[in-house]
């Protein structure tokens, strides 16, 4: 694992500490780690959705399905996760 050092204003550091505490995390480092992990997940989701949209357009043009079986499994898992979140929210 690599280490990164950043400088924060006192105001930002207080905010990060408060957010970490509110989320039950072990401190500012864990909070920043969680933010980065969430950003990675969001980017991967956006990329998967773009691939799926491109596949739909390709199929509409009569072209072969460009998605791999792994893409379909990831898409299926995404749908199942969204259904679970929606069910828990109700």
N, C-alpha and C. Protein backbone atom coordinates (compact mmCIF):
# COMPACT_ATOMS: atom_id res chain seq x y z
N UNK A 1 0.85 -1.16 0.00
CA UNK A 1 0.00 0.00 0.00
C UNK A 1 0.90 1.24 0.00
N UNK A 2 0.47 2.25 -0.73
CA UNK A 2 1.21 3.50 -0.81
C UNK A 2 0.61 4.51 0.16
N UNK A 3 1.41 5.47 0.55
CA UNK A 3 0.98 6.52 1.46
C UNK A 3 1.00 7.84 0.74
N UNK A 4 0.00 8.67 1.02
CA UNK A 4 -0.06 10.01 0.44
C UNK A 4 -0.18 11.01 1.58
N UNK A 5 0.51 12.12 1.42
CA UNK A 5 0.44 13.18 2.43
C UNK A 5 -0.24 14.37 1.79
N UNK A 6 -1.21 14.96 2.49
CA UNK A 6 -1.88 16.14 1.97
C UNK A 6 -1.94 17.20 3.07
N UNK A 7 -2.01 18.43 2.64
CA UNK A 7 -2.13 19.55 3.58
C UNK A 7 -3.56 20.06 3.52
N UNK A 8 -4.19 20.20 4.66
CA UNK A 8 -5.54 20.73 4.76
C UNK A 8 -5.54 21.94 5.68
N UNK A 9 -6.44 22.86 5.37
CA UNK A 9 -6.62 23.96 6.31
C UNK A 9 -7.22 23.38 7.59
N UNK A 10 -7.12 24.13 8.68
CA UNK A 10 -7.68 23.64 9.94
C UNK A 10 -9.18 23.40 9.80
N UNK A 11 -9.85 24.29 9.09
CA UNK A 11 -11.29 24.15 8.88
C UNK A 11 -11.62 22.85 8.14
N UNK A 12 -10.87 22.55 7.10
CA UNK A 12 -11.11 21.32 6.34
C UNK A 12 -10.80 20.10 7.19
N UNK A 13 -9.72 20.15 7.97
CA UNK A 13 -9.36 19.01 8.80
C UNK A 13 -10.46 18.73 9.83
N UNK A 14 -11.00 19.79 10.44
CA UNK A 14 -12.09 19.62 11.41
C UNK A 14 -13.30 18.99 10.73
N UNK A 15 -13.60 19.44 9.52
CA UNK A 15 -14.72 18.88 8.76
C UNK A 15 -14.49 17.39 8.49
N UNK A 16 -13.29 17.04 8.01
CA UNK A 16 -12.99 15.64 7.69
C UNK A 16 -13.06 14.78 8.95
N UNK A 17 -12.52 15.26 10.05
CA UNK A 17 -12.61 14.51 11.31
C UNK A 17 -14.06 14.29 11.72
N UNK A 18 -14.88 15.33 11.60
CA UNK A 18 -16.29 15.23 11.98
C UNK A 18 -17.01 14.23 11.09
N UNK A 19 -16.71 14.25 9.80
CA UNK A 19 -17.35 13.30 8.87
C UNK A 19 -16.93 11.87 9.20
N UNK A 20 -15.67 11.67 9.50
CA UNK A 20 -15.18 10.33 9.85
C UNK A 20 -15.89 9.83 11.10
N UNK A 21 -15.99 10.68 12.09
CA UNK A 21 -16.65 10.29 13.34
C UNK A 21 -18.12 9.98 13.10
N UNK A 22 -18.79 10.83 12.33
CA UNK A 22 -20.22 10.64 12.06
C UNK A 22 -20.50 9.34 11.32
N UNK A 23 -19.54 8.88 10.53
CA UNK A 23 -19.72 7.65 9.76
C UNK A 23 -19.12 6.43 10.44
N UNK A 24 -18.60 6.62 11.64
CA UNK A 24 -18.05 5.50 12.38
C UNK A 24 -16.73 5.01 11.84
N UNK A 25 -15.98 5.89 11.19
CA UNK A 25 -14.71 5.51 10.61
C UNK A 25 -13.58 5.80 11.60
N UNK A 26 -12.43 5.22 11.34
CA UNK A 26 -11.31 5.32 12.27
C UNK A 26 -10.52 6.60 12.19
N UNK A 27 -10.94 7.56 11.43
CA UNK A 27 -10.24 8.82 11.36
C UNK A 27 -10.25 9.40 9.97
N UNK A 28 -9.57 10.52 9.79
CA UNK A 28 -9.55 11.20 8.49
C UNK A 28 -9.04 10.33 7.34
N UNK A 29 -8.04 9.51 7.61
CA UNK A 29 -7.51 8.65 6.55
C UNK A 29 -8.55 7.68 6.03
N UNK A 30 -9.30 7.07 6.94
CA UNK A 30 -10.35 6.13 6.52
C UNK A 30 -11.46 6.86 5.77
N UNK A 31 -11.77 8.08 6.20
CA UNK A 31 -12.80 8.87 5.52
C UNK A 31 -12.37 9.16 4.08
N UNK A 32 -11.13 9.62 3.90
CA UNK A 32 -10.65 9.91 2.55
C UNK A 32 -10.59 8.64 1.70
N UNK A 33 -10.19 7.54 2.32
CA UNK A 33 -10.17 6.25 1.62
C UNK A 33 -11.58 5.90 1.14
N UNK A 34 -12.58 6.08 1.99
CA UNK A 34 -13.97 5.77 1.63
C UNK A 34 -14.45 6.67 0.49
N UNK A 35 -14.08 7.95 0.52
CA UNK A 35 -14.46 8.86 -0.56
C UNK A 35 -13.87 8.43 -1.90
N UNK A 36 -12.60 8.06 -1.87
CA UNK A 36 -11.94 7.64 -3.11
C UNK A 36 -12.54 6.34 -3.62
N UNK A 37 -12.80 5.39 -2.72
CA UNK A 37 -13.42 4.13 -3.13
C UNK A 37 -14.79 4.38 -3.76
N UNK A 38 -15.57 5.29 -3.18
CA UNK A 38 -16.89 5.61 -3.73
C UNK A 38 -16.76 6.26 -5.11
N UNK A 39 -15.77 7.12 -5.28
CA UNK A 39 -15.56 7.76 -6.58
C UNK A 39 -15.16 6.73 -7.63
N UNK A 40 -14.33 5.76 -7.24
CA UNK A 40 -13.95 4.68 -8.17
C UNK A 40 -15.18 3.88 -8.57
N UNK A 41 -16.00 3.55 -7.61
CA UNK A 41 -17.21 2.76 -7.89
C UNK A 41 -18.14 3.53 -8.82
N UNK A 42 -18.30 4.83 -8.58
CA UNK A 42 -19.15 5.66 -9.43
C UNK A 42 -18.62 5.69 -10.86
N UNK A 43 -17.30 5.82 -11.01
CA UNK A 43 -16.71 5.85 -12.35
C UNK A 43 -16.91 4.51 -13.06
N UNK A 44 -16.69 3.41 -12.36
CA UNK A 44 -16.89 2.09 -12.96
C UNK A 44 -18.36 1.92 -13.37
N UNK A 45 -19.27 2.41 -12.55
CA UNK A 45 -20.70 2.32 -12.86
C UNK A 45 -21.01 3.12 -14.13
N UNK A 46 -20.48 4.32 -14.20
CA UNK A 46 -20.73 5.16 -15.38
C UNK A 46 -20.17 4.51 -16.64
N UNK A 47 -18.99 3.91 -16.53
CA UNK A 47 -18.39 3.23 -17.68
C UNK A 47 -19.23 2.03 -18.11
N UNK A 48 -19.74 1.27 -17.16
CA UNK A 48 -20.57 0.11 -17.47
C UNK A 48 -21.87 0.57 -18.14
N UNK A 49 -22.48 1.63 -17.62
CA UNK A 49 -23.71 2.14 -18.21
C UNK A 49 -23.48 2.64 -19.63
N UNK A 50 -22.33 3.28 -19.88
CA UNK A 50 -22.00 3.75 -21.23
C UNK A 50 -21.81 2.56 -22.17
N UNK A 51 -21.12 1.52 -21.70
CA UNK A 51 -20.94 0.32 -22.53
C UNK A 51 -22.28 -0.32 -22.86
N UNK A 52 -23.17 -0.36 -21.87
CA UNK A 52 -24.49 -0.95 -22.10
C UNK A 52 -25.28 -0.12 -23.11
N UNK A 53 -25.24 1.21 -22.97
CA UNK A 53 -25.95 2.08 -23.91
C UNK A 53 -25.40 1.90 -25.33
N UNK A 54 -24.07 1.78 -25.45
CA UNK A 54 -23.46 1.55 -26.77
C UNK A 54 -23.88 0.19 -27.33
N UNK A 55 -24.00 -0.80 -26.46
CA UNK A 55 -24.42 -2.13 -26.91
C UNK A 55 -25.86 -2.09 -27.42
N UNK A 56 -26.72 -1.37 -26.72
CA UNK A 56 -28.12 -1.25 -27.16
C UNK A 56 -28.17 -0.59 -28.54
N UNK A 57 -27.39 0.48 -28.72
CA UNK A 57 -27.37 1.15 -30.03
C UNK A 57 -26.84 0.20 -31.12
N UNK A 58 -25.82 -0.59 -30.79
CA UNK A 58 -25.27 -1.54 -31.76
C UNK A 58 -26.32 -2.58 -32.14
N UNK A 59 -27.03 -3.10 -31.14
CA UNK A 59 -28.06 -4.10 -31.42
C UNK A 59 -29.19 -3.51 -32.25
N UNK A 60 -29.53 -2.26 -31.99
CA UNK A 60 -30.58 -1.60 -32.78
C UNK A 60 -30.16 -1.43 -34.24
N UNK A 61 -28.87 -1.30 -34.48
CA UNK A 61 -28.35 -1.20 -35.85
C UNK A 61 -28.15 -2.58 -36.49
N UNK A 62 -28.43 -3.63 -35.75
CA UNK A 62 -28.26 -4.97 -36.27
C UNK A 62 -26.84 -5.51 -36.16
N UNK A 63 -26.01 -4.84 -35.38
CA UNK A 63 -24.63 -5.28 -35.19
C UNK A 63 -24.57 -6.31 -34.06
N UNK A 64 -23.49 -7.09 -34.01
CA UNK A 64 -23.37 -8.08 -32.94
C UNK A 64 -23.26 -7.41 -31.56
N UNK A 65 -23.64 -8.15 -30.55
CA UNK A 65 -23.58 -7.68 -29.17
C UNK A 65 -22.12 -7.52 -28.77
N UNK A 66 -21.70 -6.29 -28.45
CA UNK A 66 -20.29 -6.08 -28.09
C UNK A 66 -19.96 -6.35 -26.62
N UNK A 67 -20.97 -6.69 -25.80
CA UNK A 67 -20.73 -6.91 -24.38
C UNK A 67 -20.25 -8.33 -24.12
N UNK A 68 -19.30 -8.45 -23.21
CA UNK A 68 -18.79 -9.76 -22.81
C UNK A 68 -19.72 -10.36 -21.76
N UNK A 69 -19.54 -11.62 -21.46
CA UNK A 69 -20.34 -12.24 -20.41
C UNK A 69 -20.04 -11.59 -19.06
N UNK A 70 -18.80 -11.14 -18.87
CA UNK A 70 -18.44 -10.42 -17.64
C UNK A 70 -19.21 -9.11 -17.53
N UNK A 71 -19.34 -8.40 -18.67
CA UNK A 71 -20.13 -7.16 -18.67
C UNK A 71 -21.57 -7.44 -18.24
N UNK A 72 -22.15 -8.51 -18.78
CA UNK A 72 -23.53 -8.85 -18.45
C UNK A 72 -23.67 -9.22 -16.98
N UNK A 73 -22.70 -9.93 -16.44
CA UNK A 73 -22.74 -10.28 -15.02
C UNK A 73 -22.64 -9.03 -14.14
N UNK A 74 -21.75 -8.11 -14.51
CA UNK A 74 -21.62 -6.86 -13.76
C UNK A 74 -22.91 -6.05 -13.84
N UNK A 75 -23.53 -6.02 -15.02
CA UNK A 75 -24.78 -5.29 -15.19
C UNK A 75 -25.89 -5.93 -14.36
N UNK A 76 -25.96 -7.25 -14.37
CA UNK A 76 -26.96 -7.96 -13.57
C UNK A 76 -26.77 -7.67 -12.09
N UNK A 77 -25.53 -7.67 -11.62
CA UNK A 77 -25.26 -7.39 -10.22
C UNK A 77 -25.66 -5.96 -9.87
N UNK A 78 -25.42 -5.05 -10.78
CA UNK A 78 -25.80 -3.65 -10.57
C UNK A 78 -27.32 -3.53 -10.40
N UNK A 79 -28.06 -4.19 -11.26
CA UNK A 79 -29.52 -4.14 -11.16
C UNK A 79 -29.99 -4.76 -9.85
N UNK A 80 -29.42 -5.89 -9.47
CA UNK A 80 -29.80 -6.53 -8.21
C UNK A 80 -29.48 -5.64 -7.02
N UNK A 81 -28.33 -4.97 -7.06
CA UNK A 81 -27.97 -4.05 -5.97
C UNK A 81 -28.95 -2.90 -5.88
N UNK A 82 -29.34 -2.35 -7.02
CA UNK A 82 -30.31 -1.24 -7.01
C UNK A 82 -31.66 -1.69 -6.48
N UNK A 83 -32.07 -2.90 -6.84
CA UNK A 83 -33.34 -3.42 -6.33
C UNK A 83 -33.28 -3.58 -4.82
N UNK A 84 -32.16 -4.07 -4.31
CA UNK A 84 -32.00 -4.25 -2.87
C UNK A 84 -32.05 -2.91 -2.14
N UNK A 85 -31.38 -1.91 -2.69
CA UNK A 85 -31.39 -0.57 -2.09
C UNK A 85 -32.81 -0.01 -2.10
N UNK A 86 -33.51 -0.17 -3.22
CA UNK A 86 -34.88 0.34 -3.30
C UNK A 86 -35.80 -0.38 -2.32
N UNK A 87 -35.62 -1.68 -2.17
CA UNK A 87 -36.45 -2.45 -1.23
C UNK A 87 -36.19 -2.02 0.21
N UNK A 88 -34.93 -1.72 0.53
CA UNK A 88 -34.59 -1.29 1.88
C UNK A 88 -35.08 0.11 2.18
N UNK A 89 -35.22 0.93 1.13
CA UNK A 89 -35.66 2.31 1.31
C UNK A 89 -37.17 2.40 1.55
N UNK A 90 -37.89 1.37 1.14
CA UNK A 90 -39.36 1.40 1.29
C UNK A 90 -39.79 1.04 2.68
